[in-house]
Amino acid sequence: MAAALFLATTYWSVGGAQAAANDAEARAIFEKFIAAQNAHDADAVKAMLLNSPGTLLFASGEEPPQAY
């Protein structure tokens, strides 16, 4: 029983640390992606995109009227 409790505690504590590491990595990649877009660096943006017909990009903000 003690071994099972130890394994469960170890698993959950490592799981939380791994989730935090994944969040930090995702945030760093996103910030790099936004910086490349703002710099109009098409090659850097292209290098970060998945080459797949299923890739979908969307913006959560509003488009300015002149964009239409």
PDB file of N, CA and C in Angstrom:
ATOM      1  N   MET A   1       0.819  -1.194   0.000  1.00  0.00           N
ATOM      2  CA  MET A   1       0.000   0.000   0.000  1.00  0.00           C
ATOM      3  C   MET A   1       0.866   1.262   0.000  1.00  0.00           C
ATOM      4  N   ALA A   2       1.907   1.262   0.805  1.00  0.00           N
ATOM      5  CA  ALA A   2       2.789   2.428   0.889  1.00  0.00           C
ATOM      6  C   ALA A   2       3.480   2.661  -0.449  1.00  0.00           C
ATOM      7  N   ALA A   3       3.853   1.568  -1.128  1.00  0.00           N
ATOM      8  CA  ALA A   3       4.513   1.701  -2.433  1.00  0.00           C
ATOM      9  C   ALA A   3       3.559   2.308  -3.454  1.00  0.00           C
ATOM     10  N   ALA A   4       2.307   1.890  -3.434  1.00  0.00           N
ATOM     11  CA  ALA A   4       1.319   2.434  -4.367  1.00  0.00           C
ATOM     12  C   ALA A   4       1.090   3.917  -4.094  1.00  0.00           C
ATOM     13  N   LEU A   5       1.025   4.285  -2.826  1.00  0.00           N
ATOM     14  CA  LEU A   5       0.847   5.689  -2.462  1.00  0.00           C
ATOM     15  C   LEU A   5       2.052   6.517  -2.907  1.00  0.00           C
ATOM     16  N   PHE A   6       3.256   5.966  -2.713  1.00  0.00           N
ATOM     17  CA  PHE A   6       4.471   6.659  -3.146  1.00  0.00           C
ATOM     18  C   PHE A   6       4.468   6.857  -4.658  1.00  0.00           C
ATOM     19  N   LEU A   7       4.131   5.820  -5.409  1.00  0.00           N
ATOM     20  CA  LEU A   7       4.105   5.926  -6.870  1.00  0.00           C
ATOM     21  C   LEU A   7       3.059   6.930  -7.336  1.00  0.00           C
ATOM     22  N   ALA A   8       1.897   6.913  -6.726  1.00  0.00           N
ATOM     23  CA  ALA A   8       0.842   7.853  -7.109  1.00  0.00           C
ATOM     24  C   ALA A   8       1.261   9.287  -6.807  1.00  0.00           C
ATOM     25  N   THR A   9       1.847   9.508  -5.651  1.00  0.00           N
ATOM     26  CA  THR A   9       2.305  10.854  -5.285  1.00  0.00           C
ATOM     27  C   THR A   9       3.400  11.326  -6.224  1.00  0.00           C
ATOM     28  N   THR A  10       4.335  10.447  -6.541  1.00  0.00           N
ATOM     29  CA  THR A  10       5.420  10.793  -7.464  1.00  0.00           C
ATOM     30  C   THR A  10       4.864  11.105  -8.842  1.00  0.00           C
ATOM     31  N   TYR A  11       3.935  10.293  -9.317  1.00  0.00           N
ATOM     32  CA  TYR A  11       3.352  10.502 -10.644  1.00  0.00           C
ATOM     33  C   TYR A  11       2.652  11.854 -10.721  1.00  0.00           C
ATOM     34  N   TRP A  12       1.823  12.169  -9.732  1.00  0.00           N
ATOM     35  CA  TRP A  12       1.062  13.421  -9.778  1.00  0.00           C
ATOM     36  C   TRP A  12       1.964  14.642  -9.610  1.00  0.00           C
ATOM     37  N   SER A  13       2.996  14.536  -8.780  1.00  0.00           N
ATOM     38  CA  SER A  13       3.882  15.692  -8.615  1.00  0.00           C
ATOM     39  C   SER A  13       4.703  15.929  -9.874  1.00  0.00           C
ATOM     40  N   VAL A  14       5.140  14.870 -10.532  1.00  0.00           N
ATOM     41  CA  VAL A  14       5.877  15.013 -11.793  1.00  0.00           C
ATOM     42  C   VAL A  14       4.933  15.473 -12.890  1.00  0.00           C
ATOM     43  N   GLY A  15       3.701  14.997 -12.892  1.00  0.00           N
ATOM     44  CA  GLY A  15       2.722  15.412 -13.901  1.00  0.00           C
ATOM     45  C   GLY A  15       2.483  16.908 -13.867  1.00  0.00           C
ATOM     46  N   GLY A  16       2.376  17.482 -12.690  1.00  0.00           N
ATOM     47  CA  GLY A  16       2.190  18.923 -12.566  1.00  0.00           C
ATOM     48  C   GLY A  16       3.397  19.697 -13.064  1.00  0.00           C
ATOM     49  N   ALA A  17       4.582  19.208 -12.746  1.00  0.00           N
ATOM     50  CA  ALA A  17       5.805  19.868 -13.213  1.00  0.00           C
ATOM     51  C   ALA A  17       5.912  19.779 -14.722  1.00  0.00           C
ATOM     52  N   GLN A  18       5.547  18.633 -15.272  1.00  0.00           N
ATOM     53  CA  GLN A  18       5.594  18.463 -16.731  1.00  0.00           C
ATOM     54  C   GLN A  18       4.593  19.387 -17.407  1.00  0.00           C
ATOM     55  N   ALA A  19       3.411  19.531 -16.835  1.00  0.00           N
ATOM     56  CA  ALA A  19       2.407  20.429 -17.412  1.00  0.00           C
ATOM     57  C   ALA A  19       2.910  21.869 -17.391  1.00  0.00           C
ATOM     58  N   ALA A  20       3.562  22.267 -16.311  1.00  0.00           N
ATOM     59  CA  ALA A  20       4.108  23.626 -16.226  1.00  0.00           C
ATOM     60  C   ALA A  20       5.204  23.825 -17.260  1.00  0.00           C
ATOM     61  N   ALA A  21       6.048  22.813 -17.458  1.00  0.00           N
ATOM     62  CA  ALA A  21       7.114  22.906 -18.459  1.00  0.00           C
ATOM     63  C   ALA A  21       6.516  23.004 -19.853  1.00  0.00           C
ATOM     64  N   ASN A  22       5.479  22.215 -20.126  1.00  0.00           N
ATOM     65  CA  ASN A  22       4.819  22.280 -21.432  1.00  0.00           C
ATOM     66  C   ASN A  22       4.182  23.642 -21.653  1.00  0.00           C
ATOM     67  N   ASP A  23       3.579  24.209 -20.622  1.00  0.00           N
ATOM     68  CA  ASP A  23       2.960  25.528 -20.724  1.00  0.00           C
ATOM     69  C   ASP A  23       4.016  26.593 -21.011  1.00  0.00           C
ATOM     70  N   ALA A  24       5.136  26.519 -20.315  1.00  0.00           N
ATOM     71  CA  ALA A  24       6.215  27.492 -20.526  1.00  0.00           C
ATOM     72  C   ALA A  24       6.786  27.363 -21.931  1.00  0.00           C
ATOM     73  N   GLU A  25       6.947  26.132 -22.402  1.00  0.00           N
ATOM     74  CA  GLU A  25       7.471  25.914 -23.753  1.00  0.00           C
ATOM     75  C   GLU A  25       6.489  26.431 -24.805  1.00  0.00           C
ATOM     76  N   ALA A  26       5.212  26.158 -24.625  1.00  0.00           N
ATOM     77  CA  ALA A  26       4.199  26.629 -25.577  1.00  0.00           C
ATOM     78  C   ALA A  26       4.154  28.151 -25.603  1.00  0.00           C
ATOM     79  N   ARG A  27       4.242  28.773 -24.438  1.00  0.00           N
ATOM     80  CA  ARG A  27       4.227  30.237 -24.364  1.00  0.00           C
ATOM     81  C   ARG A  27       5.451  30.830 -25.064  1.00  0.00           C
ATOM     82  N   ALA A  28       6.620  30.215 -24.888  1.00  0.00           N
ATOM     83  CA  ALA A  28       7.844  30.705 -25.534  1.00  0.00           C
ATOM     84  C   ALA A  28       7.741  30.598 -27.052  1.00  0.00           C
ATOM     85  N   ILE A  29       7.205  29.482 -27.534  1.00  0.00           N
ATOM     86  CA  ILE A  29       7.038  29.303 -28.981  1.00  0.00           C
ATOM     87  C   ILE A  29       6.038  30.320 -29.522  1.00  0.00           C
ATOM     88  N   PHE A  30       4.939  30.534 -28.810  1.00  0.00           N
ATOM     89  CA  PHE A  30       3.935  31.498 -29.252  1.00  0.00           C
ATOM     90  C   PHE A  30       4.523  32.905 -29.313  1.00  0.00           C
ATOM     91  N   GLU A  31       5.289  33.294 -28.292  1.00  0.00           N
ATOM     92  CA  GLU A  31       5.903  34.621 -28.289  1.00  0.00           C
ATOM     93  C   GLU A  31       6.887  34.780 -29.446  1.00  0.00           C
ATOM     94  N   LYS A  32       7.638  33.718 -29.743  1.00  0.00           N
ATOM     95  CA  LYS A  32       8.565  33.748 -30.880  1.00  0.00           C
ATOM     96  C   LYS A  32       7.788  33.883 -32.192  1.00  0.00           C
ATOM     97  N   PHE A  33       6.665  33.192 -32.289  1.00  0.00           N
ATOM     98  CA  PHE A  33       5.820  33.244 -33.481  1.00  0.00           C
ATOM     99  C   PHE A  33       5.264  34.653 -33.689  1.00  0.00           C
ATOM    100  N   ILE A  34       4.762  35.270 -32.623  1.00  0.00           N
ATOM    101  CA  ILE A  34       4.218  36.625 -32.708  1.00  0.00           C
ATOM    102  C   ILE A  34       5.317  37.621 -33.064  1.00  0.00           C
ATOM    103  N   ALA A  35       6.501  37.462 -32.474  1.00  0.00           N
ATOM    104  CA  ALA A  35       7.617  38.363 -32.782  1.00  0.00           C
ATOM    105  C   ALA A  35       8.002  38.260 -34.254  1.00  0.00           C
ATOM    106  N   ALA A  36       8.003  37.053 -34.802  1.00  0.00           N
ATOM    107  CA  ALA A  36       8.325  36.868 -36.221  1.00  0.00           C
ATOM    108  C   ALA A  36       7.263  37.514 -37.106  1.00  0.00           C
ATOM    109  N   GLN A  37       5.994  37.391 -36.721  1.00  0.00           N
ATOM    110  CA  GLN A  37       4.928  38.043 -37.487  1.00  0.00           C
ATOM    111  C   GLN A  37       5.088  39.560 -37.445  1.00  0.00           C
ATOM    112  N   ASN A  38       5.329  40.102 -36.270  1.00  0.00           N
ATOM    113  CA  ASN A  38       5.470  41.550 -36.126  1.00  0.00           C
ATOM    114  C   ASN A  38       6.679  42.086 -36.881  1.00  0.00           C
ATOM    115  N   ALA A  39       7.706  41.249 -37.036  1.00  0.00           N
ATOM    116  CA  ALA A  39       8.907  41.652 -37.772  1.00  0.00           C
ATOM    117  C   ALA A  39       8.747  41.424 -39.274  1.00  0.00           C
ATOM    118  N   HIS A  40       7.598  40.897 -39.671  1.00  0.00           N
ATOM    119  CA  HIS A  40       7.329  40.573 -41.080  1.00  0.00           C
ATOM    120  C   HIS A  40       8.377  39.601 -41.625  1.00  0.00           C
ATOM    121  N   ASP A  41       8.797  38.654 -40.770  1.00  0.00           N
ATOM    122  CA  ASP A  41       9.800  37.655 -41.141  1.00  0.00           C
ATOM    123  C   ASP A  41       9.077  36.391 -41.610  1.00  0.00           C
ATOM    124  N   ALA A  42       8.726  36.374 -42.892  1.00  0.00           N
ATOM    125  CA  ALA A  42       7.935  35.272 -43.452  1.00  0.00           C
ATOM    126  C   ALA A  42       8.657  33.937 -43.332  1.00  0.00           C
ATOM    127  N   ASP A  43       9.972  33.926 -43.488  1.00  0.00           N
ATOM    128  CA  ASP A  43      10.716  32.672 -43.395  1.00  0.00           C
ATOM    129  C   ASP A  43      10.647  32.086 -41.985  1.00  0.00           C
ATOM    130  N   ALA A  44      10.757  32.939 -40.967  1.00  0.00           N
ATOM    131  CA  ALA A  44      10.681  32.462 -39.583  1.00  0.00           C
ATOM    132  C   ALA A  44       9.279  31.960 -39.257  1.00  0.00           C
ATOM    133  N   VAL A  45       8.260  32.670 -39.728  1.00  0.00           N
ATOM    134  CA  VAL A  45       6.877  32.239 -39.498  1.00  0.00           C
ATOM    135  C   VAL A  45       6.639  30.901 -40.181  1.00  0.00           C
ATOM    136  N   LYS A  46       7.064  30.787 -41.421  1.00  0.00           N
ATOM    137  CA  LYS A  46       6.873  29.549 -42.183  1.00  0.00           C
ATOM    138  C   LYS A  46       7.561  28.369 -41.500  1.00  0.00           C
ATOM    139  N   ALA A  47       8.735  28.605 -40.927  1.00  0.00           N
ATOM    140  CA  ALA A  47       9.477  27.530 -40.267  1.00  0.00           C
ATOM    141  C   ALA A  47       8.747  26.992 -39.036  1.00  0.00           C
ATOM    142  N   MET A  48       7.880  27.806 -38.435  1.00  0.00           N
ATOM    143  CA  MET A  48       7.158  27.377 -37.237  1.00  0.00           C
ATOM    144  C   MET A  48       5.805  26.747 -37.539  1.00  0.00           C
ATOM    145  N   LEU A  49       5.355  26.790 -38.768  1.00  0.00           N
ATOM    146  CA  LEU A  49       4.040  26.262 -39.112  1.00  0.00           C
ATOM    147  C   LEU A  49       4.118  24.799 -39.521  1.00  0.00           C
ATOM    148  N   LEU A  50       3.083  24.067 -39.220  1.00  0.00           N
ATOM    149  CA  LEU A  50       2.961  22.678 -39.622  1.00  0.00           C
ATOM    150  C   LEU A  50       2.581  22.630 -41.090  1.00  0.00           C
ATOM    151  N   ASN A  51       3.327  21.888 -41.881  1.00  0.00           N
ATOM    152  CA  ASN A  51       3.043  21.760 -43.307  1.00  0.00           C
ATOM    153  C   ASN A  51       1.979  20.678 -43.484  1.00  0.00           C
ATOM    154  N   SER A  52       0.733  21.071 -43.347  1.00  0.00           N
ATOM    155  CA  SER A  52      -0.369  20.125 -43.421  1.00  0.00           C
ATOM    156  C   SER A  52      -1.608  20.831 -43.954  1.00  0.00           C
ATOM    157  N   PRO A  53      -2.374  20.162 -44.825  1.00  0.00           N
ATOM    158  CA  PRO A  53      -3.612  20.777 -45.305  1.00  0.00           C
ATOM    159  C   PRO A  53      -4.640  20.945 -44.185  1.00  0.00           C
ATOM    160  N   GLY A  54      -4.449  20.288 -43.063  1.00  0.00           N
ATOM    161  CA  GLY A  54      -5.373  20.398 -41.946  1.00  0.00           C
ATOM    162  C   GLY A  54      -5.044  21.542 -40.997  1.00  0.00           C
ATOM    163  N   THR A  55      -3.972  22.278 -41.261  1.00  0.00           N
ATOM    164  CA  THR A  55      -3.590  23.388 -40.392  1.00  0.00           C
ATOM    165  C   THR A  55      -4.592  24.522 -40.522  1.00  0.00           C
ATOM    166  N   LEU A  56      -5.041  25.035 -39.403  1.00  0.00           N
ATOM    167  CA  LEU A  56      -6.016  26.124 -39.391  1.00  0.00           C
ATOM    168  C   LEU A  56      -5.486  27.238 -38.504  1.00  0.00           C
ATOM    169  N   LEU A  57      -5.396  28.427 -39.056  1.00  0.00           N
ATOM    170  CA  LEU A  57      -4.995  29.600 -38.289  1.00  0.00           C
ATOM    171  C   LEU A  57      -6.202  30.508 -38.147  1.00  0.00           C
ATOM    172  N   PHE A  58      -6.352  31.113 -36.992  1.00  0.00           N
ATOM    173  CA  PHE A  58      -7.443  32.058 -36.807  1.00  0.00           C
ATOM    174  C   PHE A  58      -6.978  33.163 -35.871  1.00  0.00           C
ATOM    175  N   ALA A  59      -7.605  34.295 -35.988  1.00  0.00           N
ATOM    176  CA  ALA A  59      -7.302  35.432 -35.122  1.00  0.00           C
ATOM    177  C   ALA A  59      -8.476  35.659 -34.191  1.00  0.00           C
ATOM    178  N   SER A  60      -8.185  35.963 -32.959  1.00  0.00           N
ATOM    179  CA  SER A  60      -9.272  36.204 -32.009  1.00  0.00           C
ATOM    180  C   SER A  60      -9.676  37.673 -31.972  1.00  0.00           C
ATOM    181  N   GLY A  61      -8.910  38.522 -32.611  1.00  0.00           N
ATOM    182  CA  GLY A  61      -9.220  39.945 -32.632  1.00  0.00           C
ATOM    183  C   GLY A  61     -10.076  40.305 -33.826  1.00  0.00           C
ATOM    184  N   GLU A  62     -10.429  41.562 -33.906  1.00  0.00           N
ATOM    185  CA  GLU A  62     -11.236  42.043 -35.025  1.00  0.00           C
ATOM    186  C   GLU A  62     -10.334  42.525 -36.144  1.00  0.00           C
ATOM    187  N   GLU A  63     -10.755  42.295 -37.366  1.00  0.00           N
ATOM    188  CA  GLU A  63     -10.027  42.793 -38.529  1.00  0.00           C
ATOM    189  C   GLU A  63     -10.428  44.237 -38.775  1.00  0.00           C
ATOM    190  N   PRO A  64      -9.480  45.080 -39.134  1.00  0.00           N
ATOM    191  CA  PRO A  64      -9.851  46.458 -39.464  1.00  0.00           C
ATOM    192  C   PRO A  64     -10.685  46.492 -40.737  1.00  0.00           C
ATOM    193  N   PRO A  65     -11.582  47.465 -40.879  1.00  0.00           N
ATOM    194  CA  PRO A  65     -12.470  47.525 -42.050  1.00  0.00           C
ATOM    195  C   PRO A  65     -11.724  47.510 -43.382  1.00  0.00           C
ATOM    196  N   GLN A  66     -10.544  48.113 -43.458  1.00  0.00           N
ATOM    197  CA  GLN A  66      -9.822  48.141 -44.726  1.00  0.00           C
ATOM    198  C   GLN A  66      -9.280  46.767 -45.117  1.00  0.00           C
ATOM    199  N   ALA A  67      -9.342  45.784 -44.223  1.00  0.00           N
ATOM    200  CA  ALA A  67      -8.842  44.447 -44.542  1.00  0.00           C
ATOM    201  C   ALA A  67      -9.811  43.681 -45.433  1.00  0.00           C
ATOM    202  N   TYR A  68     -11.035  44.154 -45.553  1.00  0.00           N
ATOM    203  CA  TYR A  68     -12.031  43.417 -46.332  1.00  0.00           C
ATOM    204  C   TYR A  68     -12.102  43.898 -47.749  1.00  0.00           C
TER     205      TYR A  68
END
